[in-house]
Amino acid sequence: MYLKQIELENFKSFGGKMTIPLMEGYLAVTGPNGSGKSNITDAILFVLGPKSSKAMRAGKLTDLIFDGGKTKNRADYTK
């Protein structure tokens, strides 16, 4: 299986819409602490993996919705 891209909308630390293109072959996700690297893996698990909130590092499934942080409003949904 080859994933061409990941499309996020209000998923965990990613507010709004975002498309992450993926190149065929090996993939490395890099960035500073707290930038959302693990949340990209959680997004793949959300679609293809187990539907357990614990598997995606969330206490409950509603924790997967963008919470707004300190400066933005909480989103109503994620997809």
PDB file of N, CA and C in Angstrom:
ATOM      1  N   MET A   1       0.840  -1.163   0.000  1.00  0.00           N
ATOM      2  CA  MET A   1       0.000   0.000   0.000  1.00  0.00           C
ATOM      3  C   MET A   1       0.891   1.233   0.000  1.00  0.00           C
ATOM      4  N   TYR A   2       0.498   2.240  -0.757  1.00  0.00           N
ATOM      5  CA  TYR A   2       1.240   3.495  -0.819  1.00  0.00           C
ATOM      6  C   TYR A   2       0.275   4.644  -0.557  1.00  0.00           C
ATOM      7  N   LEU A   3       0.544   5.430   0.453  1.00  0.00           N
ATOM      8  CA  LEU A   3      -0.255   6.622   0.740  1.00  0.00           C
ATOM      9  C   LEU A   3       0.359   7.794  -0.006  1.00  0.00           C
ATOM     10  N   LYS A   4      -0.426   8.465  -0.822  1.00  0.00           N
ATOM     11  CA  LYS A   4       0.079   9.603  -1.589  1.00  0.00           C
ATOM     12  C   LYS A   4       0.093  10.886  -0.772  1.00  0.00           C
ATOM     13  N   GLN A   5      -0.907  11.036   0.102  1.00  0.00           N
ATOM     14  CA  GLN A   5      -0.966  12.242   0.914  1.00  0.00           C
ATOM     15  C   GLN A   5      -1.868  12.007   2.113  1.00  0.00           C
ATOM     16  N   ILE A   6      -1.728  12.875   3.090  1.00  0.00           N
ATOM     17  CA  ILE A   6      -2.599  12.868   4.261  1.00  0.00           C
ATOM     18  C   ILE A   6      -3.335  14.200   4.258  1.00  0.00           C
ATOM     19  N   GLU A   7      -4.642  14.144   4.320  1.00  0.00           N
ATOM     20  CA  GLU A   7      -5.457  15.356   4.400  1.00  0.00           C
ATOM     21  C   GLU A   7      -6.059  15.429   5.795  1.00  0.00           C
ATOM     22  N   LEU A   8      -5.766  16.504   6.499  1.00  0.00           N
ATOM     23  CA  LEU A   8      -6.243  16.698   7.866  1.00  0.00           C
ATOM     24  C   LEU A   8      -7.150  17.912   7.924  1.00  0.00           C
ATOM     25  N   GLU A   9      -8.122  17.840   8.808  1.00  0.00           N
ATOM     26  CA  GLU A   9      -8.934  19.024   9.093  1.00  0.00           C
ATOM     27  C   GLU A   9      -9.281  19.003  10.575  1.00  0.00           C
ATOM     28  N   ASN A  10      -8.721  19.957  11.314  1.00  0.00           N
ATOM     29  CA  ASN A  10      -8.956  20.095  12.756  1.00  0.00           C
ATOM     30  C   ASN A  10      -8.590  18.833  13.532  1.00  0.00           C
ATOM     31  N   PHE A  11      -7.504  18.203  13.171  1.00  0.00           N
ATOM     32  CA  PHE A  11      -7.083  16.971  13.839  1.00  0.00           C
ATOM     33  C   PHE A  11      -5.981  17.268  14.838  1.00  0.00           C
ATOM     34  N   LYS A  12      -6.257  17.044  16.105  1.00  0.00           N
ATOM     35  CA  LYS A  12      -5.317  17.236  17.200  1.00  0.00           C
ATOM     36  C   LYS A  12      -4.659  18.614  17.118  1.00  0.00           C
ATOM     37  N   SER A  13      -3.357  18.704  16.885  1.00  0.00           N
ATOM     38  CA  SER A  13      -2.676  20.004  16.888  1.00  0.00           C
ATOM     39  C   SER A  13      -2.774  20.746  15.557  1.00  0.00           C
ATOM     40  N   PHE A  14      -3.440  20.150  14.563  1.00  0.00           N
ATOM     41  CA  PHE A  14      -3.553  20.770  13.242  1.00  0.00           C
ATOM     42  C   PHE A  14      -4.922  21.429  13.088  1.00  0.00           C
ATOM     43  N   GLY A  15      -4.994  22.739  13.293  1.00  0.00           N
ATOM     44  CA  GLY A  15      -6.243  23.468  13.120  1.00  0.00           C
ATOM     45  C   GLY A  15      -6.437  23.832  11.663  1.00  0.00           C
ATOM     46  N   GLY A  16      -7.676  23.772  11.186  1.00  0.00           N
ATOM     47  CA  GLY A  16      -7.960  24.073   9.790  1.00  0.00           C
ATOM     48  C   GLY A  16      -7.615  22.899   8.896  1.00  0.00           C
ATOM     49  N   LYS A  17      -7.590  23.162   7.586  1.00  0.00           N
ATOM     50  CA  LYS A  17      -7.287  22.113   6.605  1.00  0.00           C
ATOM     51  C   LYS A  17      -5.796  22.091   6.299  1.00  0.00           C
ATOM     52  N   MET A  18      -5.262  20.883   6.137  1.00  0.00           N
ATOM     53  CA  MET A  18      -3.850  20.730   5.798  1.00  0.00           C
ATOM     54  C   MET A  18      -3.680  19.471   4.959  1.00  0.00           C
ATOM     55  N   THR A  19      -2.862  19.567   3.919  1.00  0.00           N
ATOM     56  CA  THR A  19      -2.516  18.410   3.100  1.00  0.00           C
ATOM     57  C   THR A  19      -1.018  18.176   3.218  1.00  0.00           C
ATOM     58  N   ILE A  20      -0.652  16.951   3.564  1.00  0.00           N
ATOM     59  CA  ILE A  20       0.753  16.582   3.709  1.00  0.00           C
ATOM     60  C   ILE A  20       1.081  15.582   2.606  1.00  0.00           C
ATOM     61  N   PRO A  21       1.860  15.984   1.587  1.00  0.00           N
ATOM     62  CA  PRO A  21       2.222  15.043   0.522  1.00  0.00           C
ATOM     63  C   PRO A  21       3.250  14.036   1.034  1.00  0.00           C
ATOM     64  N   LEU A  22       3.135  12.805   0.580  1.00  0.00           N
ATOM     65  CA  LEU A  22       4.063  11.748   0.978  1.00  0.00           C
ATOM     66  C   LEU A  22       4.752  11.202  -0.263  1.00  0.00           C
ATOM     67  N   MET A  23       6.062  11.067  -0.194  1.00  0.00           N
ATOM     68  CA  MET A  23       6.819  10.526  -1.320  1.00  0.00           C
ATOM     69  C   MET A  23       6.891   9.011  -1.190  1.00  0.00           C
ATOM     70  N   GLU A  24       6.947   8.319  -2.305  1.00  0.00           N
ATOM     71  CA  GLU A  24       7.027   6.864  -2.293  1.00  0.00           C
ATOM     72  C   GLU A  24       8.382   6.428  -1.746  1.00  0.00           C
ATOM     73  N   GLY A  25       8.385   5.356  -0.986  1.00  0.00           N
ATOM     74  CA  GLY A  25       9.619   4.849  -0.388  1.00  0.00           C
ATOM     75  C   GLY A  25       9.652   5.170   1.092  1.00  0.00           C
ATOM     76  N   TYR A  26      10.816   5.468   1.602  1.00  0.00           N
ATOM     77  CA  TYR A  26      10.975   5.777   3.015  1.00  0.00           C
ATOM     78  C   TYR A  26      10.517   7.192   3.302  1.00  0.00           C
ATOM     79  N   LEU A  27      10.087   7.405   4.529  1.00  0.00           N
ATOM     80  CA  LEU A  27       9.606   8.717   4.939  1.00  0.00           C
ATOM     81  C   LEU A  27      10.181   9.051   6.307  1.00  0.00           C
ATOM     82  N   ALA A  28      10.656  10.257   6.470  1.00  0.00           N
ATOM     83  CA  ALA A  28      11.120  10.734   7.768  1.00  0.00           C
ATOM     84  C   ALA A  28      10.328  11.983   8.121  1.00  0.00           C
ATOM     85  N   VAL A  29       9.802  12.019   9.319  1.00  0.00           N
ATOM     86  CA  VAL A  29       9.069  13.187   9.797  1.00  0.00           C
ATOM     87  C   VAL A  29       9.939  13.833  10.861  1.00  0.00           C
ATOM     88  N   THR A  30      10.357  15.062  10.625  1.00  0.00           N
ATOM     89  CA  THR A  30      11.235  15.752  11.561  1.00  0.00           C
ATOM     90  C   THR A  30      10.623  17.081  11.956  1.00  0.00           C
ATOM     91  N   GLY A  31      11.054  17.598  13.081  1.00  0.00           N
ATOM     92  CA  GLY A  31      10.590  18.897  13.549  1.00  0.00           C
ATOM     93  C   GLY A  31      10.856  19.031  15.031  1.00  0.00           C
ATOM     94  N   PRO A  32      10.692  20.240  15.547  1.00  0.00           N
ATOM     95  CA  PRO A  32      10.945  20.468  16.966  1.00  0.00           C
ATOM     96  C   PRO A  32       9.894  19.788  17.846  1.00  0.00           C
ATOM     97  N   ASN A  33      10.220  19.653  19.121  1.00  0.00           N
ATOM     98  CA  ASN A  33       9.269  19.090  20.078  1.00  0.00           C
ATOM     99  C   ASN A  33       7.971  19.886  20.041  1.00  0.00           C
ATOM    100  N   GLY A  34       6.854  19.172  20.074  1.00  0.00           N
ATOM    101  CA  GLY A  34       5.551  19.824  20.109  1.00  0.00           C
ATOM    102  C   GLY A  34       5.038  20.310  18.775  1.00  0.00           C
ATOM    103  N   SER A  35       5.693  19.946  17.672  1.00  0.00           N
ATOM    104  CA  SER A  35       5.274  20.451  16.359  1.00  0.00           C
ATOM    105  C   SER A  35       4.224  19.575  15.681  1.00  0.00           C
ATOM    106  N   GLY A  36       3.889  18.406  16.255  1.00  0.00           N
ATOM    107  CA  GLY A  36       2.838  17.566  15.694  1.00  0.00           C
ATOM    108  C   GLY A  36       3.301  16.336  14.943  1.00  0.00           C
ATOM    109  N   LYS A  37       4.570  15.970  15.093  1.00  0.00           N
ATOM    110  CA  LYS A  37       5.091  14.797  14.365  1.00  0.00           C
ATOM    111  C   LYS A  37       4.304  13.534  14.705  1.00  0.00           C
ATOM    112  N   SER A  38       4.102  13.267  15.963  1.00  0.00           N
ATOM    113  CA  SER A  38       3.367  12.063  16.374  1.00  0.00           C
ATOM    114  C   SER A  38       1.906  12.134  15.958  1.00  0.00           C
ATOM    115  N   ASN A  39       1.370  13.330  15.850  1.00  0.00           N
ATOM    116  CA  ASN A  39      -0.027  13.481  15.444  1.00  0.00           C
ATOM    117  C   ASN A  39      -0.246  13.074  13.991  1.00  0.00           C
ATOM    118  N   ILE A  40       0.794  13.143  13.173  1.00  0.00           N
ATOM    119  CA  ILE A  40       0.690  12.655  11.793  1.00  0.00           C
ATOM    120  C   ILE A  40       0.494  11.139  11.806  1.00  0.00           C
ATOM    121  N   THR A  41       1.258  10.450  12.646  1.00  0.00           N
ATOM    122  CA  THR A  41       1.078   9.001  12.792  1.00  0.00           C
ATOM    123  C   THR A  41      -0.305   8.690  13.352  1.00  0.00           C
ATOM    124  N   ASP A  42      -0.751   9.483  14.319  1.00  0.00           N
ATOM    125  CA  ASP A  42      -2.085   9.282  14.886  1.00  0.00           C
ATOM    126  C   ASP A  42      -3.171   9.451  13.827  1.00  0.00           C
ATOM    127  N   ALA A  43      -2.974  10.365  12.894  1.00  0.00           N
ATOM    128  CA  ALA A  43      -3.955  10.562  11.814  1.00  0.00           C
ATOM    129  C   ALA A  43      -4.047   9.322  10.929  1.00  0.00           C
ATOM    130  N   ILE A  44      -2.905   8.709  10.637  1.00  0.00           N
ATOM    131  CA  ILE A  44      -2.914   7.476   9.836  1.00  0.00           C
ATOM    132  C   ILE A  44      -3.620   6.364  10.607  1.00  0.00           C
ATOM    133  N   LEU A  45      -3.343   6.248  11.902  1.00  0.00           N
ATOM    134  CA  LEU A  45      -4.025   5.248  12.726  1.00  0.00           C
ATOM    135  C   LEU A  45      -5.527   5.504  12.779  1.00  0.00           C
ATOM    136  N   PHE A  46      -5.916   6.769  12.814  1.00  0.00           N
ATOM    137  CA  PHE A  46      -7.332   7.146  12.873  1.00  0.00           C
ATOM    138  C   PHE A  46      -8.093   6.583  11.677  1.00  0.00           C
ATOM    139  N   VAL A  47      -7.451   6.570  10.515  1.00  0.00           N
ATOM    140  CA  VAL A  47      -8.105   6.095   9.292  1.00  0.00           C
ATOM    141  C   VAL A  47      -7.908   4.595   9.079  1.00  0.00           C
ATOM    142  N   LEU A  48      -6.692   4.110   9.252  1.00  0.00           N
ATOM    143  CA  LEU A  48      -6.372   2.731   8.883  1.00  0.00           C
ATOM    144  C   LEU A  48      -6.239   1.763  10.051  1.00  0.00           C
ATOM    145  N   GLY A  49      -6.048   2.271  11.240  1.00  0.00           N
ATOM    146  CA  GLY A  49      -5.714   1.409  12.360  1.00  0.00           C
ATOM    147  C   GLY A  49      -6.857   1.156  13.309  1.00  0.00           C
ATOM    148  N   PRO A  50      -6.502   0.755  14.524  1.00  0.00           N
ATOM    149  CA  PRO A  50      -7.518   0.476  15.537  1.00  0.00           C
ATOM    150  C   PRO A  50      -8.271   1.751  15.905  1.00  0.00           C
ATOM    151  N   LYS A  51      -9.526   1.613  16.241  1.00  0.00           N
ATOM    152  CA  LYS A  51     -10.349   2.778  16.573  1.00  0.00           C
ATOM    153  C   LYS A  51     -10.295   3.118  18.059  1.00  0.00           C
ATOM    154  N   SER A  52      -9.320   2.592  18.754  1.00  0.00           N
ATOM    155  CA  SER A  52      -9.154   2.872  20.172  1.00  0.00           C
ATOM    156  C   SER A  52      -8.531   4.252  20.356  1.00  0.00           C
ATOM    157  N   SER A  53      -9.132   5.079  21.221  1.00  0.00           N
ATOM    158  CA  SER A  53      -8.558   6.396  21.485  1.00  0.00           C
ATOM    159  C   SER A  53      -7.186   6.270  22.144  1.00  0.00           C
ATOM    160  N   LYS A  54      -6.971   5.235  22.936  1.00  0.00           N
ATOM    161  CA  LYS A  54      -5.668   5.039  23.586  1.00  0.00           C
ATOM    162  C   LYS A  54      -4.572   4.775  22.563  1.00  0.00           C
ATOM    163  N   ALA A  55      -4.904   4.082  21.468  1.00  0.00           N
ATOM    164  CA  ALA A  55      -3.911   3.806  20.428  1.00  0.00           C
ATOM    165  C   ALA A  55      -3.444   5.096  19.768  1.00  0.00           C
ATOM    166  N   MET A  56      -4.282   6.139  19.811  1.00  0.00           N
ATOM    167  CA  MET A  56      -3.939   7.425  19.199  1.00  0.00           C
ATOM    168  C   MET A  56      -3.570   8.464  20.256  1.00  0.00           C
ATOM    169  N   ARG A  57      -3.165   7.996  21.431  1.00  0.00           N
ATOM    170  CA  ARG A  57      -2.708   8.869  22.513  1.00  0.00           C
ATOM    171  C   ARG A  57      -3.750   9.920  22.894  1.00  0.00           C
ATOM    172  N   ALA A  58      -4.992   9.481  23.058  1.00  0.00           N
ATOM    173  CA  ALA A  58      -6.073  10.375  23.466  1.00  0.00           C
ATOM    174  C   ALA A  58      -6.899   9.671  24.535  1.00  0.00           C
ATOM    175  N   GLY A  59      -7.358  10.422  25.523  1.00  0.00           N
ATOM    176  CA  GLY A  59      -8.180   9.839  26.568  1.00  0.00           C
ATOM    177  C   GLY A  59      -9.534   9.386  26.051  1.00  0.00           C
ATOM    178  N   LYS A  60     -10.093  10.182  25.136  1.00  0.00           N
ATOM    179  CA  LYS A  60     -11.365   9.846  24.494  1.00  0.00           C
ATOM    180  C   LYS A  60     -11.325  10.363  23.065  1.00  0.00           C
ATOM    181  N   LEU A  61     -12.194   9.861  22.205  1.00  0.00           N
ATOM    182  CA  LEU A  61     -12.143  10.223  20.783  1.00  0.00           C
ATOM    183  C   LEU A  61     -12.330  11.719  20.551  1.00  0.00           C
ATOM    184  N   THR A  62     -13.081  12.410  21.399  1.00  0.00           N
ATOM    185  CA  THR A  62     -13.253  13.857  21.212  1.00  0.00           C
ATOM    186  C   THR A  62     -11.951  14.620  21.434  1.00  0.00           C
ATOM    187  N   ASP A  63     -10.959  13.996  22.079  1.00  0.00           N
ATOM    188  CA  ASP A  63      -9.648  14.637  22.246  1.00  0.00           C
ATOM    189  C   ASP A  63      -8.883  14.731  20.931  1.00  0.00           C
ATOM    190  N   LEU A  64      -9.365  14.066  19.881  1.00  0.00           N
ATOM    191  CA  LEU A  64      -8.721  14.144  18.566  1.00  0.00           C
ATOM    192  C   LEU A  64      -9.088  15.429  17.828  1.00  0.00           C
ATOM    193  N   ILE A  65     -10.104  16.148  18.309  1.00  0.00           N
ATOM    194  CA  ILE A  65     -10.537  17.395  17.674  1.00  0.00           C
ATOM    195  C   ILE A  65      -9.621  18.526  18.130  1.00  0.00           C
ATOM    196  N   PHE A  66      -9.196  19.372  17.197  1.00  0.00           N
ATOM    197  CA  PHE A  66      -8.328  20.516  17.486  1.00  0.00           C
ATOM    198  C   PHE A  66      -8.920  21.335  18.629  1.00  0.00           C
ATOM    199  N   ASP A  67      -8.137  21.554  19.703  1.00  0.00           N
ATOM    200  CA  ASP A  67      -8.675  22.246  20.879  1.00  0.00           C
ATOM    201  C   ASP A  67      -8.437  23.749  20.886  1.00  0.00           C
ATOM    202  N   GLY A  68      -7.715  24.263  19.925  1.00  0.00           N
ATOM    203  CA  GLY A  68      -7.509  25.697  19.821  1.00  0.00           C
ATOM    204  C   GLY A  68      -6.299  26.227  20.555  1.00  0.00           C
ATOM    205  N   GLY A  69      -5.805  25.493  21.514  1.00  0.00           N
ATOM    206  CA  GLY A  69      -4.651  25.972  22.266  1.00  0.00           C
ATOM    207  C   GLY A  69      -4.979  27.224  23.055  1.00  0.00           C
ATOM    208  N   LYS A  70      -4.015  28.100  23.221  1.00  0.00           N
ATOM    209  CA  LYS A  70      -4.198  29.317  24.013  1.00  0.00           C
ATOM    210  C   LYS A  70      -4.759  30.478  23.201  1.00  0.00           C
ATOM    211  N   THR A  71      -4.636  30.423  21.876  1.00  0.00           N
ATOM    212  CA  THR A  71      -4.985  31.601  21.081  1.00  0.00           C
ATOM    213  C   THR A  71      -6.130  31.410  20.097  1.00  0.00           C
ATOM    214  N   LYS A  72      -6.593  30.181  19.884  1.00  0.00           N
ATOM    215  CA  LYS A  72      -7.647  29.940  18.898  1.00  0.00           C
ATOM    216  C   LYS A  72      -8.821  29.223  19.546  1.00  0.00           C
ATOM    217  N   ASN A  73      -9.949  29.195  18.856  1.00  0.00           N
ATOM    218  CA  ASN A  73     -11.136  28.508  19.354  1.00  0.00           C
ATOM    219  C   ASN A  73     -11.079  27.023  19.036  1.00  0.00           C
ATOM    220  N   ARG A  74     -11.741  26.234  19.876  1.00  0.00           N
ATOM    221  CA  ARG A  74     -11.851  24.790  19.649  1.00  0.00           C
ATOM    222  C   ARG A  74     -12.684  24.546  18.400  1.00  0.00           C
ATOM    223  N   ALA A  75     -12.271  23.565  17.593  1.00  0.00           N
ATOM    224  CA  ALA A  75     -13.021  23.193  16.389  1.00  0.00           C
ATOM    225  C   ALA A  75     -14.220  22.330  16.781  1.00  0.00           C
ATOM    226  N   ASP A  76     -15.240  22.335  15.945  1.00  0.00           N
ATOM    227  CA  ASP A  76     -16.451  21.548  16.195  1.00  0.00           C
ATOM    228  C   ASP A  76     -16.319  20.106  15.727  1.00  0.00           C
ATOM    229  N   TYR A  77     -15.364  19.830  14.831  1.00  0.00           N
ATOM    230  CA  TYR A  77     -15.259  18.496  14.231  1.00  0.00           C
ATOM    231  C   TYR A  77     -13.836  18.259  13.751  1.00  0.00           C
ATOM    232  N   THR A  78     -13.554  17.014  13.389  1.00  0.00           N
ATOM    233  CA  THR A  78     -12.307  16.649  12.719  1.00  0.00           C
ATOM    234  C   THR A  78     -12.623  15.659  11.616  1.00  0.00           C
ATOM    235  N   LYS A  79     -11.768  15.606  10.624  1.00  0.00           N
ATOM    236  CA  LYS A  79     -11.906  14.579   9.580  1.00  0.00           C
ATOM    237  C   LYS A  79     -10.578  14.377   8.913  1.00  0.00           C
TER     238      LYS A  79
END
